[in-house]
Amino acid sequence: MTDRRIDPPAVANEREMLTSWLDWHRETLAVKCDGLTEDQLRLRAVAPSTLSLLGLVRHMADVERTWFRRRLDGEDIEPLFFSLDDPDGDFDNVDTASADEALAAWRAEVQAARKVTAAYPDLDTLAKREARGVTVSHRWILVHMIEEYARHNGHADILREQIDGVTGE
């Protein structure tokens, strides 16, 4: 595995700390997927779960898109890999999905999210769209994204170890 992660600073202002930790977690997901074949990325955890590394990448592409572009910035765009008719499509529909396309989509959404974050320097900025009837701040979104990646990177650790025995932080 190629580890391109940059350790977050031990001392920094709040914005730098949050964005550094988020980037570290983003890259952790990439590390967990590095060096695997498309078939390995599609491998499921254990029945009945549909969890796979490819599903996690697809899910996180939509999570990035939703929180930064749709919620914070108010863009009127649809999800990439799920729909109201297929709410678990990001996880379920990986049998013929392209890993390269999913990884490219995820990386593009990460880049778009970074641009949105840069456009809103105030962490107290409120999202333009509510989330489940609640208005959240830019700060809340950054903290939530760190939590989302941390939780799913734990899943990725287990999946990667199941695939080829590789462990690590």
N, C-alpha and C. Protein backbone atom coordinates (compact mmCIF):
# COMPACT_ATOMS: atom_id res chain seq x y z
N MET A 1 0.84 -1.19 0.00
CA MET A 1 0.00 0.00 0.00
C MET A 1 0.88 1.24 0.00
N THR A 2 0.48 2.22 -0.77
CA THR A 2 1.17 3.49 -0.80
C THR A 2 0.48 4.44 0.17
N ASP A 3 1.21 4.94 1.13
CA ASP A 3 0.64 5.83 2.14
C ASP A 3 1.08 7.26 1.86
N ARG A 4 0.16 8.06 1.32
CA ARG A 4 0.44 9.46 1.00
C ARG A 4 -0.16 10.41 2.04
N ARG A 5 -0.54 9.86 3.18
CA ARG A 5 -1.17 10.72 4.19
C ARG A 5 -0.16 11.67 4.82
N ILE A 6 -0.64 12.85 5.13
CA ILE A 6 0.15 13.86 5.84
C ILE A 6 -0.46 13.98 7.22
N ASP A 7 0.34 13.74 8.24
CA ASP A 7 -0.17 13.84 9.61
C ASP A 7 -0.69 15.24 9.89
N PRO A 8 -1.86 15.34 10.51
CA PRO A 8 -2.38 16.66 10.88
C PRO A 8 -1.46 17.32 11.90
N PRO A 9 -1.42 18.65 11.89
CA PRO A 9 -0.56 19.35 12.85
C PRO A 9 -1.04 19.13 14.28
N ALA A 10 -0.11 19.12 15.20
CA ALA A 10 -0.45 18.98 16.62
C ALA A 10 -0.98 20.29 17.19
N VAL A 11 -0.58 21.39 16.60
CA VAL A 11 -1.03 22.71 17.02
C VAL A 11 -1.39 23.50 15.76
N ALA A 12 -2.62 24.00 15.71
CA ALA A 12 -3.08 24.78 14.55
C ALA A 12 -4.37 25.49 14.92
N ASN A 13 -4.78 26.43 14.07
CA ASN A 13 -6.08 27.05 14.31
C ASN A 13 -7.18 26.04 13.98
N GLU A 14 -8.38 26.35 14.36
CA GLU A 14 -9.48 25.39 14.23
C GLU A 14 -9.70 24.94 12.79
N ARG A 15 -9.73 25.86 11.87
CA ARG A 15 -9.98 25.52 10.47
C ARG A 15 -8.91 24.58 9.92
N GLU A 16 -7.65 24.91 10.16
CA GLU A 16 -6.56 24.06 9.69
C GLU A 16 -6.61 22.69 10.34
N MET A 17 -6.93 22.65 11.62
CA MET A 17 -7.01 21.38 12.33
C MET A 17 -8.11 20.50 11.72
N LEU A 18 -9.30 21.07 11.53
CA LEU A 18 -10.42 20.29 11.01
C LEU A 18 -10.16 19.83 9.57
N THR A 19 -9.69 20.71 8.72
CA THR A 19 -9.46 20.33 7.33
C THR A 19 -8.29 19.36 7.20
N SER A 20 -7.28 19.49 8.06
CA SER A 20 -6.16 18.54 8.03
C SER A 20 -6.60 17.15 8.44
N TRP A 21 -7.40 17.06 9.50
CA TRP A 21 -7.90 15.75 9.93
C TRP A 21 -8.82 15.14 8.88
N LEU A 22 -9.65 15.96 8.27
CA LEU A 22 -10.53 15.45 7.22
C LEU A 22 -9.71 14.92 6.05
N ASP A 23 -8.70 15.66 5.63
CA ASP A 23 -7.84 15.18 4.53
C ASP A 23 -7.10 13.90 4.91
N TRP A 24 -6.67 13.80 6.16
CA TRP A 24 -5.98 12.58 6.61
C TRP A 24 -6.93 11.38 6.51
N HIS A 25 -8.17 11.57 6.92
CA HIS A 25 -9.13 10.47 6.85
C HIS A 25 -9.51 10.15 5.40
N ARG A 26 -9.61 11.18 4.57
CA ARG A 26 -9.88 10.92 3.15
C ARG A 26 -8.78 10.04 2.57
N GLU A 27 -7.56 10.40 2.84
CA GLU A 27 -6.43 9.64 2.28
C GLU A 27 -6.34 8.25 2.90
N THR A 28 -6.81 8.09 4.13
CA THR A 28 -6.83 6.76 4.75
C THR A 28 -7.71 5.81 3.93
N LEU A 29 -8.85 6.30 3.45
CA LEU A 29 -9.70 5.45 2.62
C LEU A 29 -8.95 5.06 1.34
N ALA A 30 -8.23 6.00 0.75
CA ALA A 30 -7.46 5.69 -0.46
C ALA A 30 -6.39 4.64 -0.17
N VAL A 31 -5.73 4.76 0.97
CA VAL A 31 -4.69 3.80 1.37
C VAL A 31 -5.29 2.40 1.48
N LYS A 32 -6.48 2.31 2.06
CA LYS A 32 -7.12 0.99 2.24
C LYS A 32 -7.47 0.34 0.91
N CYS A 33 -7.68 1.14 -0.12
CA CYS A 33 -8.04 0.62 -1.44
C CYS A 33 -6.83 0.39 -2.35
N ASP A 34 -5.71 0.96 -1.99
CA ASP A 34 -4.52 0.95 -2.85
C ASP A 34 -4.01 -0.47 -3.11
N GLY A 35 -3.70 -0.73 -4.37
CA GLY A 35 -3.08 -1.99 -4.74
C GLY A 35 -4.01 -3.17 -4.89
N LEU A 36 -5.31 -2.95 -4.78
CA LEU A 36 -6.27 -4.04 -4.90
C LEU A 36 -6.88 -4.08 -6.29
N THR A 37 -7.28 -5.26 -6.72
CA THR A 37 -7.95 -5.42 -8.00
C THR A 37 -9.39 -4.97 -7.87
N GLU A 38 -10.03 -4.79 -9.01
CA GLU A 38 -11.45 -4.43 -9.01
C GLU A 38 -12.27 -5.49 -8.29
N ASP A 39 -11.97 -6.75 -8.54
CA ASP A 39 -12.71 -7.83 -7.86
C ASP A 39 -12.49 -7.79 -6.35
N GLN A 40 -11.28 -7.50 -5.91
CA GLN A 40 -11.02 -7.40 -4.47
C GLN A 40 -11.78 -6.22 -3.86
N LEU A 41 -11.85 -5.11 -4.57
CA LEU A 41 -12.58 -3.95 -4.07
C LEU A 41 -14.07 -4.22 -3.95
N ARG A 42 -14.57 -5.18 -4.73
CA ARG A 42 -15.99 -5.54 -4.70
C ARG A 42 -16.33 -6.56 -3.61
N LEU A 43 -15.33 -7.21 -3.03
CA LEU A 43 -15.59 -8.26 -2.05
C LEU A 43 -16.43 -7.73 -0.89
N ARG A 44 -17.45 -8.50 -0.53
CA ARG A 44 -18.38 -8.12 0.55
C ARG A 44 -17.84 -8.58 1.89
N ALA A 45 -18.27 -7.90 2.94
CA ALA A 45 -17.84 -8.24 4.29
C ALA A 45 -18.34 -9.64 4.64
N VAL A 46 -19.50 -9.75 5.20
CA VAL A 46 -20.14 -11.03 5.53
C VAL A 46 -21.63 -10.88 5.29
N ALA A 47 -22.23 -11.94 4.79
CA ALA A 47 -23.68 -11.91 4.55
C ALA A 47 -24.41 -11.63 5.85
N PRO A 48 -25.45 -10.87 5.84
CA PRO A 48 -26.15 -10.29 4.71
C PRO A 48 -25.64 -8.91 4.31
N SER A 49 -24.56 -8.44 4.89
CA SER A 49 -24.04 -7.11 4.60
C SER A 49 -23.61 -6.99 3.14
N THR A 50 -23.86 -5.83 2.55
CA THR A 50 -23.38 -5.55 1.20
C THR A 50 -22.14 -4.66 1.22
N LEU A 51 -21.56 -4.48 2.39
CA LEU A 51 -20.41 -3.60 2.57
C LEU A 51 -19.19 -4.11 1.82
N SER A 52 -18.57 -3.23 1.04
CA SER A 52 -17.33 -3.52 0.32
C SER A 52 -16.52 -2.23 0.26
N LEU A 53 -15.24 -2.35 -0.06
CA LEU A 53 -14.42 -1.14 -0.22
C LEU A 53 -14.94 -0.28 -1.36
N LEU A 54 -15.33 -0.92 -2.47
CA LEU A 54 -15.88 -0.15 -3.58
C LEU A 54 -17.16 0.56 -3.17
N GLY A 55 -18.00 -0.11 -2.40
CA GLY A 55 -19.21 0.52 -1.89
C GLY A 55 -18.90 1.69 -0.98
N LEU A 56 -17.87 1.57 -0.16
CA LEU A 56 -17.48 2.68 0.71
C LEU A 56 -17.01 3.88 -0.11
N VAL A 57 -16.24 3.64 -1.15
CA VAL A 57 -15.77 4.73 -2.01
C VAL A 57 -16.97 5.43 -2.66
N ARG A 58 -17.89 4.64 -3.19
CA ARG A 58 -19.08 5.21 -3.82
C ARG A 58 -19.92 5.99 -2.80
N HIS A 59 -20.07 5.42 -1.62
CA HIS A 59 -20.82 6.08 -0.56
C HIS A 59 -20.17 7.42 -0.18
N MET A 60 -18.87 7.41 0.00
CA MET A 60 -18.19 8.63 0.43
C MET A 60 -18.19 9.69 -0.68
N ALA A 61 -18.21 9.28 -1.94
CA ALA A 61 -18.35 10.26 -3.03
C ALA A 61 -19.68 10.99 -2.87
N ASP A 62 -20.74 10.25 -2.59
CA ASP A 62 -22.05 10.88 -2.41
C ASP A 62 -22.13 11.68 -1.11
N VAL A 63 -21.47 11.22 -0.07
CA VAL A 63 -21.48 11.97 1.19
C VAL A 63 -20.76 13.31 1.00
N GLU A 64 -19.61 13.30 0.35
CA GLU A 64 -18.90 14.56 0.05
C GLU A 64 -19.81 15.49 -0.76
N ARG A 65 -20.40 14.94 -1.80
CA ARG A 65 -21.27 15.72 -2.70
C ARG A 65 -22.44 16.31 -1.93
N THR A 66 -23.07 15.50 -1.09
CA THR A 66 -24.25 15.95 -0.36
C THR A 66 -23.93 17.05 0.63
N TRP A 67 -22.93 16.84 1.48
CA TRP A 67 -22.69 17.81 2.55
C TRP A 67 -22.06 19.10 2.07
N PHE A 68 -21.14 19.02 1.15
CA PHE A 68 -20.47 20.25 0.73
C PHE A 68 -21.19 20.95 -0.42
N ARG A 69 -21.51 20.24 -1.46
CA ARG A 69 -22.10 20.89 -2.63
C ARG A 69 -23.60 21.10 -2.49
N ARG A 70 -24.31 20.07 -2.06
CA ARG A 70 -25.77 20.18 -1.98
C ARG A 70 -26.21 20.96 -0.75
N ARG A 71 -25.67 20.61 0.42
CA ARG A 71 -26.13 21.26 1.66
C ARG A 71 -25.45 22.62 1.89
N LEU A 72 -24.12 22.64 2.01
CA LEU A 72 -23.44 23.88 2.35
C LEU A 72 -23.57 24.91 1.24
N ASP A 73 -23.31 24.52 0.00
CA ASP A 73 -23.30 25.47 -1.12
C ASP A 73 -24.66 25.61 -1.80
N GLY A 74 -25.59 24.70 -1.55
CA GLY A 74 -26.92 24.82 -2.11
C GLY A 74 -27.07 24.41 -3.57
N GLU A 75 -26.08 23.68 -4.11
CA GLU A 75 -26.17 23.25 -5.51
C GLU A 75 -27.34 22.30 -5.71
N ASP A 76 -28.00 22.43 -6.84
CA ASP A 76 -29.12 21.56 -7.18
C ASP A 76 -28.60 20.43 -8.07
N ILE A 77 -27.99 19.43 -7.43
CA ILE A 77 -27.43 18.29 -8.15
C ILE A 77 -27.91 17.00 -7.49
N GLU A 78 -27.97 15.97 -8.29
CA GLU A 78 -28.43 14.66 -7.81
C GLU A 78 -27.26 13.85 -7.26
N PRO A 79 -27.56 12.87 -6.40
CA PRO A 79 -26.52 11.95 -5.95
C PRO A 79 -25.96 11.16 -7.14
N LEU A 80 -24.79 10.61 -6.96
CA LEU A 80 -24.12 9.85 -8.02
C LEU A 80 -24.52 8.38 -8.04
N PHE A 81 -24.58 7.76 -6.87
CA PHE A 81 -24.67 6.30 -6.80
C PHE A 81 -25.89 5.76 -6.08
N PHE A 82 -26.76 6.61 -5.58
CA PHE A 82 -27.99 6.14 -4.95
C PHE A 82 -29.12 7.07 -5.37
N SER A 83 -30.34 6.66 -5.06
CA SER A 83 -31.51 7.48 -5.37
C SER A 83 -32.58 7.19 -4.32
N LEU A 84 -33.64 7.94 -4.37
CA LEU A 84 -34.76 7.67 -3.46
C LEU A 84 -35.33 6.29 -3.71
N ASP A 85 -35.31 5.86 -4.97
CA ASP A 85 -35.80 4.52 -5.32
C ASP A 85 -34.82 3.43 -4.94
N ASP A 86 -33.56 3.79 -4.78
CA ASP A 86 -32.49 2.82 -4.48
C ASP A 86 -31.53 3.43 -3.45
N PRO A 87 -32.02 3.63 -2.21
CA PRO A 87 -31.24 4.38 -1.22
C PRO A 87 -29.92 3.72 -0.81
N ASP A 88 -29.76 2.43 -1.06
CA ASP A 88 -28.50 1.76 -0.75
C ASP A 88 -27.72 1.38 -2.00
N GLY A 89 -28.05 2.03 -3.11
CA GLY A 89 -27.39 1.73 -4.38
C GLY A 89 -25.89 1.92 -4.35
N ASP A 90 -25.42 2.87 -3.55
CA ASP A 90 -23.98 3.09 -3.45
C ASP A 90 -23.26 1.85 -2.94
N PHE A 91 -23.87 1.14 -2.01
CA PHE A 91 -23.29 -0.08 -1.46
C PHE A 91 -23.71 -1.33 -2.25
N ASP A 92 -24.96 -1.38 -2.67
CA ASP A 92 -25.50 -2.60 -3.25
C ASP A 92 -25.06 -2.87 -4.68
N ASN A 93 -24.93 -1.85 -5.48
CA ASN A 93 -24.77 -2.01 -6.92
C ASN A 93 -23.31 -1.94 -7.37
N VAL A 94 -22.48 -2.78 -6.78
CA VAL A 94 -21.05 -2.76 -7.12
C VAL A 94 -20.60 -3.93 -7.98
N ASP A 95 -21.48 -4.90 -8.23
CA ASP A 95 -21.06 -6.11 -8.94
C ASP A 95 -20.51 -5.82 -10.34
N THR A 96 -21.03 -4.83 -11.01
CA THR A 96 -20.53 -4.48 -12.34
C THR A 96 -20.00 -3.05 -12.39
N ALA A 97 -19.95 -2.39 -11.26
CA ALA A 97 -19.48 -1.00 -11.21
C ALA A 97 -17.97 -0.95 -11.46
N SER A 98 -17.55 0.13 -12.09
CA SER A 98 -16.13 0.34 -12.36
C SER A 98 -15.45 0.97 -11.14
N ALA A 99 -14.41 0.31 -10.64
CA ALA A 99 -13.65 0.87 -9.52
C ALA A 99 -12.95 2.16 -9.94
N ASP A 100 -12.40 2.17 -11.15
CA ASP A 100 -11.71 3.38 -11.62
C ASP A 100 -12.67 4.57 -11.68
N GLU A 101 -13.87 4.33 -12.19
CA GLU A 101 -14.86 5.41 -12.27
C GLU A 101 -15.28 5.88 -10.88
N ALA A 102 -15.48 4.93 -9.98
CA ALA A 102 -15.90 5.29 -8.62
C ALA A 102 -14.80 6.08 -7.90
N LEU A 103 -13.56 5.63 -8.03
CA LEU A 103 -12.44 6.34 -7.40
C LEU A 103 -12.28 7.73 -8.01
N ALA A 104 -12.43 7.85 -9.31
CA ALA A 104 -12.33 9.16 -9.97
C ALA A 104 -13.46 10.08 -9.50
N ALA A 105 -14.66 9.55 -9.40
CA ALA A 105 -15.80 10.35 -8.92
C ALA A 105 -15.57 10.81 -7.49
N TRP A 106 -15.07 9.89 -6.65
CA TRP A 106 -14.80 10.25 -5.26
C TRP A 106 -13.73 11.34 -5.18
N ARG A 107 -12.64 11.17 -5.91
CA ARG A 107 -11.58 12.19 -5.90
C ARG A 107 -12.11 13.54 -6.41
N ALA A 108 -12.95 13.52 -7.44
CA ALA A 108 -13.53 14.76 -7.95
C ALA A 108 -14.42 15.43 -6.90
N GLU A 109 -15.17 14.64 -6.17
CA GLU A 109 -16.02 15.21 -5.12
C GLU A 109 -15.20 15.75 -3.96
N VAL A 110 -14.09 15.09 -3.64
CA VAL A 110 -13.19 15.62 -2.61
C VAL A 110 -12.65 16.97 -3.05
N GLN A 111 -12.22 17.07 -4.30
CA GLN A 111 -11.69 18.34 -4.81
C GLN A 111 -12.78 19.42 -4.79
N ALA A 112 -13.98 19.07 -5.20
CA ALA A 112 -15.09 20.02 -5.18
C ALA A 112 -15.39 20.47 -3.76
N ALA A 113 -15.35 19.54 -2.82
CA ALA A 113 -15.59 19.86 -1.41
C ALA A 113 -14.53 20.82 -0.87
N ARG A 114 -13.29 20.60 -1.27
CA ARG A 114 -12.22 21.51 -0.84
C ARG A 114 -12.46 22.92 -1.37
N LYS A 115 -12.93 23.02 -2.61
CA LYS A 115 -13.22 24.33 -3.19
C LYS A 115 -14.37 25.01 -2.46
N VAL A 116 -15.39 24.26 -2.12
CA VAL A 116 -16.51 24.83 -1.38
C VAL A 116 -16.04 25.30 -0.01
N THR A 117 -15.26 24.49 0.68
CA THR A 117 -14.73 24.89 1.98
C THR A 117 -13.89 26.16 1.87
N ALA A 118 -13.08 26.25 0.85
CA ALA A 118 -12.25 27.45 0.65
C ALA A 118 -13.11 28.69 0.39
N ALA A 119 -14.26 28.50 -0.24
CA ALA A 119 -15.15 29.62 -0.55
C ALA A 119 -15.89 30.14 0.68
N TYR A 120 -15.89 29.34 1.75
CA TYR A 120 -16.57 29.73 2.99
C TYR A 120 -15.56 29.75 4.13
N PRO A 121 -14.80 30.81 4.26
CA PRO A 121 -13.77 30.84 5.30
C PRO A 121 -14.32 30.87 6.72
N ASP A 122 -15.56 31.31 6.89
CA ASP A 122 -16.16 31.38 8.22
C ASP A 122 -16.80 30.04 8.56
N LEU A 123 -16.31 29.40 9.60
CA LEU A 123 -16.85 28.10 9.99
C LEU A 123 -18.25 28.21 10.58
N ASP A 124 -18.68 29.42 10.90
CA ASP A 124 -20.04 29.64 11.40
C ASP A 124 -21.05 29.83 10.28
N THR A 125 -20.60 29.84 9.03
CA THR A 125 -21.51 29.95 7.90
C THR A 125 -22.53 28.82 7.97
N LEU A 126 -23.80 29.16 7.77
CA LEU A 126 -24.85 28.16 7.82
C LEU A 126 -25.07 27.56 6.43
N ALA A 127 -25.35 26.27 6.41
CA ALA A 127 -25.63 25.58 5.16
C ALA A 127 -26.85 26.20 4.50
N LYS A 128 -26.85 26.23 3.17
CA LYS A 128 -27.97 26.80 2.43
C LYS A 128 -29.16 25.86 2.37
N ARG A 129 -28.92 24.58 2.61
CA ARG A 129 -30.01 23.60 2.64
C ARG A 129 -29.98 22.86 3.97
N GLU A 130 -31.16 22.62 4.50
CA GLU A 130 -31.27 21.90 5.77
C GLU A 130 -30.94 20.42 5.59
N ALA A 131 -30.59 19.82 6.70
CA ALA A 131 -30.36 18.38 6.76
C ALA A 131 -31.37 17.82 7.75
N ARG A 132 -32.35 17.09 7.25
CA ARG A 132 -33.41 16.52 8.09
C ARG A 132 -34.11 17.58 8.94
N GLY A 133 -34.37 18.73 8.31
CA GLY A 133 -35.09 19.80 8.98
C GLY A 133 -34.25 20.66 9.91
N VAL A 134 -32.94 20.48 9.92
CA VAL A 134 -32.06 21.23 10.79
C VAL A 134 -31.02 21.98 9.95
N THR A 135 -30.80 23.23 10.28
CA THR A 135 -29.74 23.99 9.62
C THR A 135 -28.44 23.78 10.39
N VAL A 136 -27.40 23.40 9.68
CA VAL A 136 -26.11 23.13 10.30
C VAL A 136 -25.07 24.13 9.80
N SER A 137 -23.98 24.24 10.54
CA SER A 137 -22.91 25.16 10.17
C SER A 137 -21.82 24.44 9.38
N HIS A 138 -20.99 25.23 8.77
CA HIS A 138 -19.81 24.70 8.06
C HIS A 138 -18.95 23.87 9.03
N ARG A 139 -18.78 24.37 10.25
CA ARG A 139 -18.02 23.66 11.28
C ARG A 139 -18.63 22.28 11.55
N TRP A 140 -19.96 22.25 11.71
CA TRP A 140 -20.66 20.99 11.97
C TRP A 140 -20.40 20.01 10.83
N ILE A 141 -20.44 20.49 9.60
CA ILE A 141 -20.22 19.62 8.44
C ILE A 141 -18.81 19.05 8.47
N LEU A 142 -17.81 19.87 8.76
CA LEU A 142 -16.43 19.37 8.82
C LEU A 142 -16.28 18.31 9.91
N VAL A 143 -16.84 18.57 11.08
CA VAL A 143 -16.75 17.59 12.18
C VAL A 143 -17.51 16.31 11.79
N HIS A 144 -18.68 16.47 11.22
CA HIS A 144 -19.46 15.30 10.80
C HIS A 144 -18.69 14.48 9.76
N MET A 145 -18.03 15.13 8.82
CA MET A 145 -17.29 14.41 7.79
C MET A 145 -16.10 13.64 8.40
N ILE A 146 -15.44 14.22 9.38
CA ILE A 146 -14.37 13.50 10.07
C ILE A 146 -14.94 12.25 10.73
N GLU A 147 -16.07 12.40 11.39
CA GLU A 147 -16.73 11.27 12.04
C GLU A 147 -17.14 10.22 11.02
N GLU A 148 -17.70 10.65 9.91
CA GLU A 148 -18.17 9.73 8.87
C GLU A 148 -17.00 8.91 8.31
N TYR A 149 -15.91 9.59 7.99
CA TYR A 149 -14.73 8.88 7.49
C TYR A 149 -14.13 7.97 8.56
N ALA A 150 -14.03 8.45 9.79
CA ALA A 150 -13.44 7.63 10.85
C ALA A 150 -14.21 6.33 11.03
N ARG A 151 -15.53 6.43 11.03
CA ARG A 151 -16.37 5.23 11.18
C ARG A 151 -16.17 4.29 10.00
N HIS A 152 -16.25 4.82 8.80
CA HIS A 152 -16.13 3.97 7.62
C HIS A 152 -14.70 3.48 7.39
N ASN A 153 -13.72 4.22 7.85
CA ASN A 153 -12.34 3.72 7.74
C ASN A 153 -12.12 2.54 8.67
N GLY A 154 -12.86 2.47 9.76
CA GLY A 154 -12.82 1.27 10.60
C GLY A 154 -13.36 0.07 9.83
N HIS A 155 -14.44 0.28 9.08
CA HIS A 155 -14.95 -0.79 8.22
C HIS A 155 -13.91 -1.16 7.17
N ALA A 156 -13.27 -0.14 6.59
CA ALA A 156 -12.26 -0.39 5.55
C ALA A 156 -11.09 -1.19 6.10
N ASP A 157 -10.70 -0.92 7.34
CA ASP A 157 -9.63 -1.71 7.98
C ASP A 157 -9.97 -3.19 8.00
N ILE A 158 -11.18 -3.48 8.42
CA ILE A 158 -11.62 -4.88 8.52
C ILE A 158 -11.71 -5.52 7.14
N LEU A 159 -12.28 -4.79 6.18
CA LEU A 159 -12.39 -5.32 4.82
C LEU A 159 -11.01 -5.60 4.22
N ARG A 160 -10.09 -4.67 4.39
CA ARG A 160 -8.75 -4.86 3.82
C ARG A 160 -8.05 -6.06 4.46
N GLU A 161 -8.17 -6.18 5.77
CA GLU A 161 -7.55 -7.33 6.44
C GLU A 161 -8.16 -8.63 5.95
N GLN A 162 -9.46 -8.64 5.73
CA GLN A 162 -10.14 -9.84 5.23
C GLN A 162 -9.65 -10.20 3.82
N ILE A 163 -9.36 -9.19 3.00
CA ILE A 163 -8.96 -9.42 1.61
C ILE A 163 -7.55 -9.97 1.52
N ASP A 164 -6.59 -9.31 2.18
CA ASP A 164 -5.19 -9.74 1.99
C ASP A 164 -4.34 -9.71 3.25
N GLY A 165 -4.99 -9.54 4.41
CA GLY A 165 -4.26 -9.60 5.67
C GLY A 165 -3.55 -8.32 6.05
N VAL A 166 -3.62 -7.29 5.21
CA VAL A 166 -2.93 -6.03 5.50
C VAL A 166 -3.68 -5.28 6.59
N THR A 167 -2.93 -4.86 7.59
CA THR A 167 -3.50 -4.06 8.68
C THR A 167 -2.70 -2.76 8.80
N GLY A 168 -3.18 -1.90 9.62
CA GLY A 168 -2.48 -0.64 9.87
C GLY A 168 -3.47 0.46 10.14
N GLU A 169 -2.92 1.60 10.56
CA GLU A 169 -3.82 2.69 10.90
C GLU A 169 -4.36 3.40 9.71
